[in-house]
């Protein structure tokens, strides 16, 4: 698809969504259209699921995963270290300190690319820095990380490293999502408290 057509479709979709989202009355796009276009067609807005798997395995403190699905879906399963900001609640002022900051890279994800693309366009259009997308969403995560298998008689060092990365991330995903709901809630609350302290919200 031509870049400008892709951008136009994205912007129209965002405009329609903004009209129905709460908390949007005082919000406006600050980025110029040509700059948003340039960013929207760049691969730099994406992280692959293999890159995210490495972040999970290393518990990278410079990265924050943000799950855009509703709370029910998030409760069933989520990528380790994620916080839940449902897409319909994206512009709630409570989330601005998380979305509009320079300390960490936010990586947005849904089940596929669509919701994350819309969310990215909204926060980037508002000139919030450091927001990215996990390419392919959870569908790609399951396909590549959770369901991948080694096959063949020989494996190169690079292939072995990639497979080990996926396997370790798979184990972490399974472990965190096997916890009782009460422990998941405690983990999520602790994560949010940490974010609040980083932003100066708590003493």
N, C-alpha and C. Protein backbone atom coordinates (compact mmCIF):
# COMPACT_ATOMS: atom_id res chain seq x y z
N UNK A 1 0.84 -1.19 0.00
CA UNK A 1 0.00 0.00 0.00
C UNK A 1 0.88 1.25 0.00
N UNK A 2 0.54 2.24 -0.85
CA UNK A 2 1.28 3.50 -0.88
C UNK A 2 1.30 4.14 0.50
N UNK A 3 2.44 4.75 0.84
CA UNK A 3 2.62 5.30 2.19
C UNK A 3 1.57 6.34 2.53
N UNK A 4 1.25 7.21 1.57
CA UNK A 4 0.29 8.27 1.85
C UNK A 4 -1.13 7.72 1.99
N UNK A 5 -1.44 6.69 1.22
CA UNK A 5 -2.75 6.05 1.37
C UNK A 5 -2.85 5.38 2.73
N UNK A 6 -1.78 4.69 3.12
CA UNK A 6 -1.74 4.05 4.43
C UNK A 6 -1.93 5.08 5.53
N UNK A 7 -1.25 6.21 5.41
CA UNK A 7 -1.35 7.26 6.41
C UNK A 7 -2.77 7.83 6.45
N UNK A 8 -3.37 8.06 5.27
CA UNK A 8 -4.72 8.61 5.21
C UNK A 8 -5.72 7.69 5.88
N UNK A 9 -5.61 6.39 5.59
CA UNK A 9 -6.50 5.41 6.21
C UNK A 9 -6.31 5.41 7.72
N UNK A 10 -5.06 5.44 8.15
CA UNK A 10 -4.76 5.45 9.58
C UNK A 10 -5.33 6.69 10.24
N UNK A 11 -5.15 7.85 9.62
CA UNK A 11 -5.60 9.10 10.22
C UNK A 11 -7.12 9.19 10.27
N UNK A 12 -7.79 8.71 9.23
CA UNK A 12 -9.26 8.69 9.24
C UNK A 12 -9.76 7.79 10.36
N UNK A 13 -9.14 6.61 10.48
CA UNK A 13 -9.52 5.70 11.56
C UNK A 13 -9.31 6.32 12.92
N UNK A 14 -8.19 6.98 13.10
CA UNK A 14 -7.89 7.64 14.38
C UNK A 14 -8.91 8.74 14.66
N UNK A 15 -9.26 9.51 13.63
CA UNK A 15 -10.23 10.59 13.82
C UNK A 15 -11.58 10.08 14.27
N UNK A 16 -12.02 8.99 13.67
CA UNK A 16 -13.30 8.39 14.06
C UNK A 16 -13.24 7.89 15.49
N UNK A 17 -12.14 7.23 15.83
CA UNK A 17 -11.99 6.69 17.18
C UNK A 17 -11.94 7.81 18.22
N UNK A 18 -11.20 8.88 17.92
CA UNK A 18 -11.08 10.00 18.86
C UNK A 18 -12.44 10.61 19.17
N UNK A 19 -13.34 10.58 18.19
CA UNK A 19 -14.65 11.17 18.39
C UNK A 19 -15.47 10.42 19.43
N UNK A 20 -15.14 9.16 19.64
CA UNK A 20 -15.92 8.33 20.56
C UNK A 20 -15.18 8.01 21.85
N UNK A 21 -13.88 8.29 21.91
CA UNK A 21 -13.14 8.02 23.13
C UNK A 21 -13.46 9.07 24.19
N UNK A 22 -13.58 8.65 25.47
CA UNK A 22 -13.72 9.64 26.54
C UNK A 22 -12.41 10.38 26.76
N UNK A 23 -12.49 11.49 27.49
CA UNK A 23 -11.31 12.27 27.88
C UNK A 23 -10.60 12.94 26.70
N UNK A 24 -11.25 12.98 25.52
CA UNK A 24 -10.51 13.50 24.37
C UNK A 24 -10.78 14.97 24.10
N UNK A 25 -11.67 15.59 24.85
CA UNK A 25 -12.07 16.96 24.54
C UNK A 25 -10.89 17.94 24.62
N UNK A 26 -10.04 17.75 25.61
CA UNK A 26 -8.94 18.70 25.80
C UNK A 26 -7.65 18.26 25.10
N UNK A 27 -7.73 17.16 24.37
CA UNK A 27 -6.53 16.64 23.71
C UNK A 27 -6.51 17.05 22.24
N UNK A 28 -5.35 17.25 21.70
CA UNK A 28 -5.24 17.59 20.29
C UNK A 28 -3.90 17.11 19.75
N UNK A 29 -3.87 16.86 18.46
CA UNK A 29 -2.62 16.47 17.83
C UNK A 29 -1.70 17.69 17.78
N UNK A 30 -0.44 17.48 18.14
CA UNK A 30 0.55 18.55 18.12
C UNK A 30 1.56 18.36 16.99
N UNK A 31 1.67 17.12 16.54
CA UNK A 31 2.66 16.82 15.50
C UNK A 31 2.11 17.23 14.14
N UNK A 32 2.96 17.80 13.30
CA UNK A 32 2.53 18.15 11.96
C UNK A 32 2.25 16.89 11.16
N UNK A 33 1.33 17.02 10.20
CA UNK A 33 0.89 15.85 9.43
C UNK A 33 2.04 15.16 8.71
N UNK A 34 2.97 15.95 8.14
CA UNK A 34 4.06 15.33 7.39
C UNK A 34 5.01 14.57 8.31
N UNK A 35 5.17 15.06 9.54
CA UNK A 35 6.04 14.37 10.50
C UNK A 35 5.40 13.07 10.96
N UNK A 36 4.09 13.11 11.22
CA UNK A 36 3.39 11.89 11.61
C UNK A 36 3.41 10.88 10.47
N UNK A 37 3.27 11.35 9.24
CA UNK A 37 3.36 10.47 8.08
C UNK A 37 4.73 9.81 8.02
N UNK A 38 5.78 10.60 8.19
CA UNK A 38 7.14 10.07 8.13
C UNK A 38 7.36 8.98 9.18
N UNK A 39 6.86 9.22 10.36
CA UNK A 39 7.05 8.24 11.44
C UNK A 39 6.19 7.00 11.23
N UNK A 40 4.99 7.19 10.66
CA UNK A 40 4.06 6.07 10.53
C UNK A 40 4.49 5.05 9.48
N UNK A 41 5.35 5.45 8.55
CA UNK A 41 5.80 4.52 7.51
C UNK A 41 7.21 4.01 7.78
N UNK A 42 7.74 4.34 8.95
CA UNK A 42 9.09 3.90 9.30
C UNK A 42 9.05 2.62 10.11
N UNK A 43 9.96 1.72 9.81
CA UNK A 43 10.06 0.48 10.58
C UNK A 43 10.57 0.73 11.99
N UNK A 44 11.05 1.94 12.25
CA UNK A 44 11.59 2.26 13.57
C UNK A 44 10.51 2.29 14.65
N UNK A 45 9.24 2.32 14.24
CA UNK A 45 8.15 2.33 15.21
C UNK A 45 7.86 0.92 15.75
N UNK A 46 8.48 -0.09 15.16
CA UNK A 46 8.19 -1.48 15.53
C UNK A 46 9.35 -2.16 16.26
N UNK A 47 8.97 -3.05 17.17
CA UNK A 47 9.88 -4.04 17.72
C UNK A 47 9.32 -5.41 17.35
N UNK A 48 10.19 -6.34 16.96
CA UNK A 48 9.74 -7.70 16.64
C UNK A 48 9.47 -8.47 17.93
N UNK A 49 8.75 -9.57 17.81
CA UNK A 49 8.49 -10.39 19.00
C UNK A 49 9.77 -11.01 19.53
N UNK A 50 10.74 -11.27 18.66
CA UNK A 50 12.03 -11.79 19.13
C UNK A 50 12.76 -10.74 19.97
N UNK A 51 12.67 -9.48 19.56
CA UNK A 51 13.27 -8.41 20.37
C UNK A 51 12.57 -8.30 21.72
N UNK A 52 11.25 -8.37 21.70
CA UNK A 52 10.49 -8.31 22.95
C UNK A 52 10.84 -9.49 23.84
N UNK A 53 11.01 -10.66 23.25
CA UNK A 53 11.40 -11.84 24.03
C UNK A 53 12.72 -11.60 24.75
N UNK A 54 13.66 -10.95 24.08
CA UNK A 54 14.94 -10.63 24.73
C UNK A 54 14.74 -9.66 25.88
N UNK A 55 13.86 -8.68 25.70
CA UNK A 55 13.57 -7.73 26.78
C UNK A 55 12.98 -8.46 27.98
N UNK A 56 12.08 -9.41 27.72
CA UNK A 56 11.45 -10.18 28.79
C UNK A 56 12.51 -11.00 29.53
N UNK A 57 13.36 -11.67 28.78
CA UNK A 57 14.37 -12.53 29.39
C UNK A 57 15.38 -11.75 30.23
N UNK A 58 15.72 -10.57 29.79
CA UNK A 58 16.71 -9.76 30.51
C UNK A 58 16.07 -8.86 31.56
N UNK A 59 14.72 -8.87 31.61
CA UNK A 59 13.99 -7.99 32.52
C UNK A 59 14.48 -6.55 32.35
N UNK A 60 14.53 -6.12 31.12
CA UNK A 60 15.07 -4.82 30.75
C UNK A 60 14.25 -3.69 31.37
N UNK A 61 14.86 -2.92 32.24
CA UNK A 61 14.15 -1.85 32.95
C UNK A 61 13.94 -0.61 32.09
N UNK A 62 14.52 -0.59 30.89
CA UNK A 62 14.33 0.55 30.00
C UNK A 62 13.15 0.35 29.06
N UNK A 63 12.42 -0.76 29.25
CA UNK A 63 11.29 -1.09 28.39
C UNK A 63 10.05 -1.34 29.24
N UNK A 64 8.91 -0.80 28.79
CA UNK A 64 7.64 -1.07 29.45
C UNK A 64 6.65 -1.60 28.41
N UNK A 65 6.19 -2.83 28.58
CA UNK A 65 5.17 -3.39 27.71
C UNK A 65 3.80 -2.88 28.15
N UNK A 66 2.98 -2.46 27.17
CA UNK A 66 1.64 -1.94 27.46
C UNK A 66 0.62 -2.74 26.66
N UNK A 67 -0.23 -3.46 27.38
CA UNK A 67 -1.28 -4.29 26.78
C UNK A 67 -2.52 -3.43 26.60
N UNK A 68 -2.98 -3.29 25.36
CA UNK A 68 -4.10 -2.41 25.04
C UNK A 68 -5.45 -3.13 25.04
N UNK A 69 -5.46 -4.40 25.34
CA UNK A 69 -6.71 -5.16 25.35
C UNK A 69 -7.51 -4.82 26.60
N UNK A 70 -8.75 -5.31 26.65
CA UNK A 70 -9.56 -5.01 27.82
C UNK A 70 -9.06 -5.81 29.02
N UNK A 71 -9.55 -5.44 30.20
CA UNK A 71 -9.03 -6.02 31.44
C UNK A 71 -9.26 -7.53 31.51
N UNK A 72 -10.37 -8.00 30.95
CA UNK A 72 -10.66 -9.43 30.98
C UNK A 72 -9.65 -10.23 30.19
N UNK A 73 -9.30 -9.75 29.00
CA UNK A 73 -8.30 -10.43 28.18
C UNK A 73 -6.92 -10.37 28.84
N UNK A 74 -6.61 -9.22 29.41
CA UNK A 74 -5.32 -9.05 30.08
C UNK A 74 -5.19 -10.03 31.25
N UNK A 75 -6.30 -10.23 31.95
CA UNK A 75 -6.29 -11.12 33.12
C UNK A 75 -6.01 -12.57 32.71
N UNK A 76 -6.49 -12.96 31.54
CA UNK A 76 -6.30 -14.33 31.07
C UNK A 76 -4.83 -14.59 30.74
N UNK A 77 -4.21 -13.68 30.03
CA UNK A 77 -2.78 -13.82 29.70
C UNK A 77 -2.22 -12.50 29.24
N UNK A 78 -0.95 -12.29 29.52
CA UNK A 78 -0.26 -11.09 29.06
C UNK A 78 1.24 -11.36 29.06
N UNK A 79 1.97 -10.55 28.35
CA UNK A 79 3.43 -10.69 28.29
C UNK A 79 4.03 -10.25 29.62
N UNK A 80 4.93 -11.03 30.20
CA UNK A 80 5.52 -10.69 31.50
C UNK A 80 6.04 -9.25 31.55
N UNK A 81 5.70 -8.57 32.64
CA UNK A 81 6.13 -7.19 32.82
C UNK A 81 5.17 -6.16 32.25
N UNK A 82 4.07 -6.62 31.64
CA UNK A 82 3.12 -5.70 31.03
C UNK A 82 2.26 -4.99 32.07
N UNK A 83 1.83 -3.78 31.72
CA UNK A 83 0.74 -3.14 32.42
C UNK A 83 -0.43 -3.03 31.45
N UNK A 84 -1.63 -2.90 31.98
CA UNK A 84 -2.83 -2.89 31.15
C UNK A 84 -3.39 -1.48 31.04
N UNK A 85 -3.37 -0.94 29.83
CA UNK A 85 -4.05 0.32 29.54
C UNK A 85 -5.04 0.03 28.41
N UNK A 86 -6.28 -0.32 28.74
CA UNK A 86 -7.25 -0.64 27.68
C UNK A 86 -7.36 0.51 26.68
N UNK A 87 -7.48 0.18 25.42
CA UNK A 87 -7.48 1.20 24.38
C UNK A 87 -8.55 2.26 24.62
N UNK A 88 -9.72 1.83 25.09
CA UNK A 88 -10.80 2.80 25.30
C UNK A 88 -10.48 3.78 26.43
N UNK A 89 -9.47 3.47 27.23
CA UNK A 89 -9.08 4.31 28.36
C UNK A 89 -7.76 5.04 28.10
N UNK A 90 -7.30 4.98 26.86
CA UNK A 90 -5.96 5.47 26.52
C UNK A 90 -5.75 6.94 26.89
N UNK A 91 -6.77 7.77 26.70
CA UNK A 91 -6.62 9.20 26.93
C UNK A 91 -7.05 9.64 28.32
N UNK A 92 -7.28 8.69 29.19
CA UNK A 92 -7.54 9.02 30.59
C UNK A 92 -6.30 9.74 31.13
N UNK A 93 -6.46 10.93 31.72
CA UNK A 93 -5.30 11.68 32.23
C UNK A 93 -4.44 10.88 33.21
N UNK A 94 -5.02 9.87 33.83
CA UNK A 94 -4.25 9.05 34.77
C UNK A 94 -3.08 8.36 34.09
N UNK A 95 -3.22 8.10 32.78
CA UNK A 95 -2.17 7.36 32.07
C UNK A 95 -1.12 8.26 31.43
N UNK A 96 -1.34 9.55 31.44
CA UNK A 96 -0.40 10.45 30.76
C UNK A 96 1.03 10.33 31.29
N UNK A 97 1.25 10.22 32.62
CA UNK A 97 2.64 10.08 33.09
C UNK A 97 3.34 8.83 32.56
N UNK A 98 2.57 7.80 32.23
CA UNK A 98 3.15 6.57 31.67
C UNK A 98 3.45 6.74 30.19
N UNK A 99 2.51 7.34 29.47
CA UNK A 99 2.62 7.44 28.02
C UNK A 99 3.48 8.62 27.55
N UNK A 100 3.56 9.65 28.37
CA UNK A 100 4.29 10.86 27.99
C UNK A 100 5.50 11.04 28.91
N UNK A 101 6.55 10.31 28.62
CA UNK A 101 7.75 10.36 29.45
C UNK A 101 8.97 9.97 28.61
N UNK A 102 10.15 10.21 29.16
CA UNK A 102 11.38 9.98 28.41
C UNK A 102 12.28 8.92 29.03
N UNK A 103 11.83 8.31 30.14
CA UNK A 103 12.71 7.37 30.84
C UNK A 103 12.78 6.00 30.16
N UNK A 104 11.65 5.50 29.68
CA UNK A 104 11.61 4.14 29.14
C UNK A 104 10.92 4.12 27.78
N UNK A 105 11.13 3.02 27.06
CA UNK A 105 10.43 2.80 25.80
C UNK A 105 9.14 2.04 26.08
N UNK A 106 8.01 2.61 25.72
CA UNK A 106 6.73 1.91 25.81
C UNK A 106 6.51 1.10 24.54
N UNK A 107 6.21 -0.18 24.70
CA UNK A 107 5.91 -1.02 23.54
C UNK A 107 4.46 -1.45 23.64
N UNK A 108 3.64 -0.95 22.72
CA UNK A 108 2.20 -1.19 22.72
C UNK A 108 1.88 -2.48 21.98
N UNK A 109 0.89 -3.20 22.49
CA UNK A 109 0.45 -4.39 21.76
C UNK A 109 -1.01 -4.72 22.05
N UNK A 110 -1.65 -5.33 21.05
CA UNK A 110 -2.99 -5.88 21.18
C UNK A 110 -2.94 -7.30 20.64
N UNK A 111 -4.07 -7.77 20.13
CA UNK A 111 -4.06 -9.11 19.54
C UNK A 111 -3.36 -9.11 18.18
N UNK A 112 -3.48 -7.98 17.46
CA UNK A 112 -2.79 -7.84 16.17
C UNK A 112 -2.23 -6.43 16.10
N UNK A 113 -1.99 -5.94 14.89
CA UNK A 113 -1.40 -4.60 14.75
C UNK A 113 -2.40 -3.46 14.84
N UNK A 114 -3.67 -3.72 14.53
CA UNK A 114 -4.60 -2.62 14.31
C UNK A 114 -4.75 -1.69 15.51
N UNK A 115 -5.11 -2.26 16.67
CA UNK A 115 -5.32 -1.42 17.85
C UNK A 115 -4.05 -0.69 18.24
N UNK A 116 -2.92 -1.39 18.19
CA UNK A 116 -1.65 -0.76 18.55
C UNK A 116 -1.29 0.36 17.56
N UNK A 117 -1.59 0.17 16.28
CA UNK A 117 -1.33 1.22 15.29
C UNK A 117 -2.14 2.47 15.60
N UNK A 118 -3.42 2.28 15.93
CA UNK A 118 -4.27 3.42 16.28
C UNK A 118 -3.76 4.12 17.54
N UNK A 119 -3.43 3.32 18.56
CA UNK A 119 -2.94 3.89 19.81
C UNK A 119 -1.63 4.65 19.58
N UNK A 120 -0.75 4.04 18.79
CA UNK A 120 0.53 4.69 18.49
C UNK A 120 0.30 6.02 17.78
N UNK A 121 -0.60 6.04 16.79
CA UNK A 121 -0.86 7.27 16.04
C UNK A 121 -1.41 8.36 16.94
N UNK A 122 -2.25 7.97 17.90
CA UNK A 122 -2.83 8.95 18.82
C UNK A 122 -1.76 9.56 19.72
N UNK A 123 -1.00 8.71 20.40
CA UNK A 123 -0.02 9.24 21.35
C UNK A 123 1.15 9.92 20.64
N UNK A 124 1.52 9.42 19.46
CA UNK A 124 2.59 10.06 18.70
C UNK A 124 2.11 11.39 18.14
N UNK A 125 0.86 11.43 17.68
CA UNK A 125 0.29 12.68 17.19
C UNK A 125 0.23 13.74 18.28
N UNK A 126 0.09 13.30 19.52
CA UNK A 126 0.10 14.22 20.66
C UNK A 126 1.51 14.55 21.10
N UNK A 127 2.49 14.04 20.34
CA UNK A 127 3.92 14.29 20.57
C UNK A 127 4.42 13.67 21.87
N UNK A 128 3.82 12.54 22.26
CA UNK A 128 4.34 11.77 23.38
C UNK A 128 5.52 10.94 22.86
N UNK A 129 6.67 11.01 23.49
CA UNK A 129 7.85 10.30 22.98
C UNK A 129 7.92 8.85 23.43
N UNK A 130 8.80 8.11 22.80
CA UNK A 130 9.18 6.76 23.26
C UNK A 130 8.05 5.74 23.24
N UNK A 131 7.17 5.82 22.26
CA UNK A 131 6.11 4.83 22.12
C UNK A 131 6.31 4.04 20.83
N UNK A 132 6.20 2.72 20.94
CA UNK A 132 6.48 1.81 19.83
C UNK A 132 5.40 0.73 19.79
N UNK A 133 5.53 -0.17 18.83
CA UNK A 133 4.55 -1.24 18.63
C UNK A 133 5.28 -2.58 18.55
N UNK A 134 4.71 -3.60 19.21
CA UNK A 134 5.20 -4.96 19.00
C UNK A 134 4.54 -5.48 17.73
N UNK A 135 5.32 -5.66 16.69
CA UNK A 135 4.78 -5.99 15.38
C UNK A 135 4.08 -7.35 15.40
N UNK A 136 2.83 -7.34 14.96
CA UNK A 136 2.05 -8.58 14.89
C UNK A 136 1.23 -8.87 16.12
N UNK A 137 1.51 -8.16 17.21
CA UNK A 137 0.74 -8.34 18.44
C UNK A 137 0.87 -9.73 19.04
N UNK A 138 -0.10 -10.07 19.89
CA UNK A 138 -0.06 -11.37 20.56
C UNK A 138 -0.22 -12.52 19.59
N UNK A 139 -0.91 -12.29 18.48
CA UNK A 139 -1.02 -13.36 17.49
C UNK A 139 0.36 -13.79 17.00
N UNK A 140 1.22 -12.81 16.72
CA UNK A 140 2.57 -13.12 16.27
C UNK A 140 3.41 -13.68 17.42
N UNK A 141 3.18 -13.19 18.63
CA UNK A 141 3.89 -13.72 19.81
C UNK A 141 3.64 -15.21 19.96
N UNK A 142 2.37 -15.61 19.87
CA UNK A 142 2.05 -17.03 20.01
C UNK A 142 2.63 -17.84 18.87
N UNK A 143 2.52 -17.32 17.65
CA UNK A 143 3.03 -18.05 16.49
C UNK A 143 4.54 -18.24 16.56
N UNK A 144 5.26 -17.19 16.92
CA UNK A 144 6.72 -17.21 16.86
C UNK A 144 7.38 -17.69 18.14
N UNK A 145 6.86 -17.24 19.27
CA UNK A 145 7.51 -17.55 20.55
C UNK A 145 6.92 -18.79 21.22
N UNK A 146 5.61 -18.85 21.29
CA UNK A 146 4.97 -19.93 22.05
C UNK A 146 4.88 -21.24 21.28
N UNK A 147 4.78 -21.16 19.97
CA UNK A 147 4.53 -22.38 19.18
C UNK A 147 5.71 -22.80 18.32
N UNK A 148 6.77 -22.03 18.31
CA UNK A 148 7.90 -22.38 17.45
C UNK A 148 8.60 -23.63 17.96
N UNK A 149 9.10 -24.43 17.05
CA UNK A 149 9.81 -25.66 17.39
C UNK A 149 11.07 -25.77 16.54
N UNK A 150 12.07 -26.40 17.11
CA UNK A 150 13.29 -26.66 16.35
C UNK A 150 13.07 -27.87 15.47
N UNK A 151 13.47 -27.76 14.21
CA UNK A 151 13.38 -28.90 13.30
C UNK A 151 14.62 -28.93 12.42
N UNK A 152 15.02 -30.10 12.05
CA UNK A 152 16.21 -30.24 11.22
C UNK A 152 17.31 -30.98 11.95
N UNK A 153 18.28 -31.42 11.19
CA UNK A 153 19.38 -32.20 11.77
C UNK A 153 20.48 -31.31 12.31
N UNK A 154 20.66 -30.13 11.73
CA UNK A 154 21.71 -29.23 12.16
C UNK A 154 21.11 -27.88 12.52
N UNK A 155 21.78 -27.19 13.43
CA UNK A 155 21.33 -25.87 13.83
C UNK A 155 22.55 -24.97 13.96
N UNK A 156 22.47 -23.79 13.38
CA UNK A 156 23.58 -22.85 13.45
C UNK A 156 23.58 -22.17 14.82
N UNK A 157 24.71 -21.58 15.21
CA UNK A 157 24.74 -20.85 16.48
C UNK A 157 23.68 -19.76 16.56
N UNK A 158 23.45 -19.06 15.45
CA UNK A 158 22.44 -18.00 15.44
C UNK A 158 21.04 -18.57 15.64
N UNK A 159 20.75 -19.69 14.98
CA UNK A 159 19.45 -20.33 15.13
C UNK A 159 19.26 -20.85 16.55
N UNK A 160 20.32 -21.39 17.12
CA UNK A 160 20.25 -21.89 18.48
C UNK A 160 19.98 -20.76 19.47
N UNK A 161 20.66 -19.63 19.29
CA UNK A 161 20.45 -18.48 20.17
C UNK A 161 19.03 -17.96 20.06
N UNK A 162 18.51 -17.92 18.84
CA UNK A 162 17.15 -17.46 18.62
C UNK A 162 16.14 -18.40 19.28
N UNK A 163 16.37 -19.71 19.13
CA UNK A 163 15.45 -20.68 19.72
C UNK A 163 15.50 -20.62 21.24
N UNK A 164 16.70 -20.49 21.82
CA UNK A 164 16.83 -20.39 23.28
C UNK A 164 16.14 -19.13 23.80
N UNK A 165 16.27 -18.05 23.07
CA UNK A 165 15.61 -16.80 23.45
C UNK A 165 14.10 -16.99 23.51
N UNK A 166 13.55 -17.62 22.48
CA UNK A 166 12.11 -17.87 22.44
C UNK A 166 11.68 -18.83 23.53
N UNK A 167 12.46 -19.87 23.75
CA UNK A 167 12.12 -20.88 24.75
C UNK A 167 12.09 -20.26 26.15
N UNK A 168 13.07 -19.44 26.48
CA UNK A 168 13.11 -18.82 27.80
C UNK A 168 11.95 -17.84 27.99
N UNK A 169 11.62 -17.09 26.94
CA UNK A 169 10.49 -16.17 27.02
C UNK A 169 9.18 -16.94 27.16
N UNK A 170 9.09 -18.08 26.48
CA UNK A 170 7.91 -18.93 26.59
C UNK A 170 7.72 -19.41 28.02
N UNK A 171 8.82 -19.82 28.66
CA UNK A 171 8.75 -20.28 30.05
C UNK A 171 8.28 -19.16 30.97
N UNK A 172 8.81 -17.96 30.78
CA UNK A 172 8.41 -16.82 31.61
C UNK A 172 6.93 -16.50 31.41
N UNK A 173 6.49 -16.53 30.15
CA UNK A 173 5.09 -16.26 29.83
C UNK A 173 4.18 -17.27 30.52
N UNK A 174 4.54 -18.54 30.43
CA UNK A 174 3.73 -19.60 31.03
C UNK A 174 3.70 -19.47 32.54
N UNK A 175 4.84 -19.17 33.14
CA UNK A 175 4.91 -19.06 34.60
C UNK A 175 4.07 -17.91 35.13
N UNK A 176 4.21 -16.72 34.55
CA UNK A 176 3.48 -15.56 35.05
C UNK A 176 1.99 -15.72 34.86
N UNK A 177 1.58 -16.37 33.76
CA UNK A 177 0.16 -16.51 33.49
C UNK A 177 -0.45 -17.73 34.16
N UNK A 178 0.38 -18.52 34.85
CA UNK A 178 -0.12 -19.64 35.65
C UNK A 178 -0.34 -19.24 37.10
N UNK A 179 0.06 -18.03 37.47
CA UNK A 179 -0.11 -17.56 38.85
C UNK A 179 -1.59 -17.37 39.17
N UNK A 180 -1.97 -17.54 40.44
CA UNK A 180 -3.34 -17.22 40.85
C UNK A 180 -3.64 -15.75 40.59
N UNK A 181 -4.91 -15.44 40.38
CA UNK A 181 -5.29 -14.07 40.07
C UNK A 181 -4.84 -13.08 41.14
N UNK A 182 -4.86 -13.51 42.40
CA UNK A 182 -4.46 -12.61 43.49
C UNK A 182 -3.00 -12.19 43.36
N UNK A 183 -2.14 -13.14 42.98
CA UNK A 183 -0.73 -12.83 42.81
C UNK A 183 -0.49 -11.97 41.57
N UNK A 184 -1.27 -12.23 40.52
CA UNK A 184 -1.16 -11.38 39.33
C UNK A 184 -1.52 -9.94 39.68
N UNK A 185 -2.58 -9.77 40.49
CA UNK A 185 -3.00 -8.43 40.90
C UNK A 185 -1.92 -7.74 41.71
N UNK A 186 -1.29 -8.49 42.62
CA UNK A 186 -0.21 -7.92 43.43
C UNK A 186 0.95 -7.49 42.53
N UNK A 187 1.27 -8.32 41.56
CA UNK A 187 2.36 -8.00 40.63
C UNK A 187 2.04 -6.73 39.85
N UNK A 188 0.81 -6.64 39.35
CA UNK A 188 0.39 -5.47 38.58
C UNK A 188 0.43 -4.21 39.43
N UNK A 189 -0.08 -4.30 40.68
CA UNK A 189 -0.09 -3.14 41.57
C UNK A 189 1.33 -2.68 41.89
N UNK A 190 2.23 -3.65 42.10
CA UNK A 190 3.62 -3.31 42.38
C UNK A 190 4.25 -2.61 41.18
N UNK A 191 3.90 -3.07 39.98
CA UNK A 191 4.42 -2.46 38.76
C UNK A 191 3.94 -1.02 38.63
N UNK A 192 2.65 -0.79 38.92
CA UNK A 192 2.11 0.55 38.82
C UNK A 192 2.70 1.47 39.88
N UNK A 193 2.95 0.95 41.09
CA UNK A 193 3.57 1.75 42.14
C UNK A 193 4.97 2.18 41.72
N UNK A 194 5.70 1.26 41.09
CA UNK A 194 7.04 1.57 40.61
C UNK A 194 6.98 2.68 39.56
N UNK A 195 6.02 2.58 38.63
CA UNK A 195 5.87 3.60 37.60
C UNK A 195 5.55 4.95 38.23
N UNK A 196 4.68 4.94 39.25
CA UNK A 196 4.28 6.17 39.91
C UNK A 196 5.46 6.84 40.59
N UNK A 197 6.32 6.04 41.23
CA UNK A 197 7.49 6.59 41.90
C UNK A 197 8.47 7.19 40.90
N UNK A 198 8.63 6.51 39.76
CA UNK A 198 9.54 7.02 38.74
C UNK A 198 9.08 8.37 38.21
N UNK A 199 7.75 8.57 38.19
CA UNK A 199 7.20 9.81 37.67
C UNK A 199 6.99 10.86 38.75
N UNK A 200 7.42 10.54 39.99
CA UNK A 200 7.30 11.51 41.07
C UNK A 200 5.93 11.56 41.69
N UNK A 201 5.11 10.52 41.44
CA UNK A 201 3.75 10.52 41.97
C UNK A 201 3.67 10.10 43.41
N UNK A 202 4.69 9.46 43.95
CA UNK A 202 4.68 9.01 45.34
C UNK A 202 5.99 9.41 45.99
N UNK A 203 5.93 9.64 47.26
CA UNK A 203 7.14 9.96 48.01
C UNK A 203 7.57 8.75 48.82
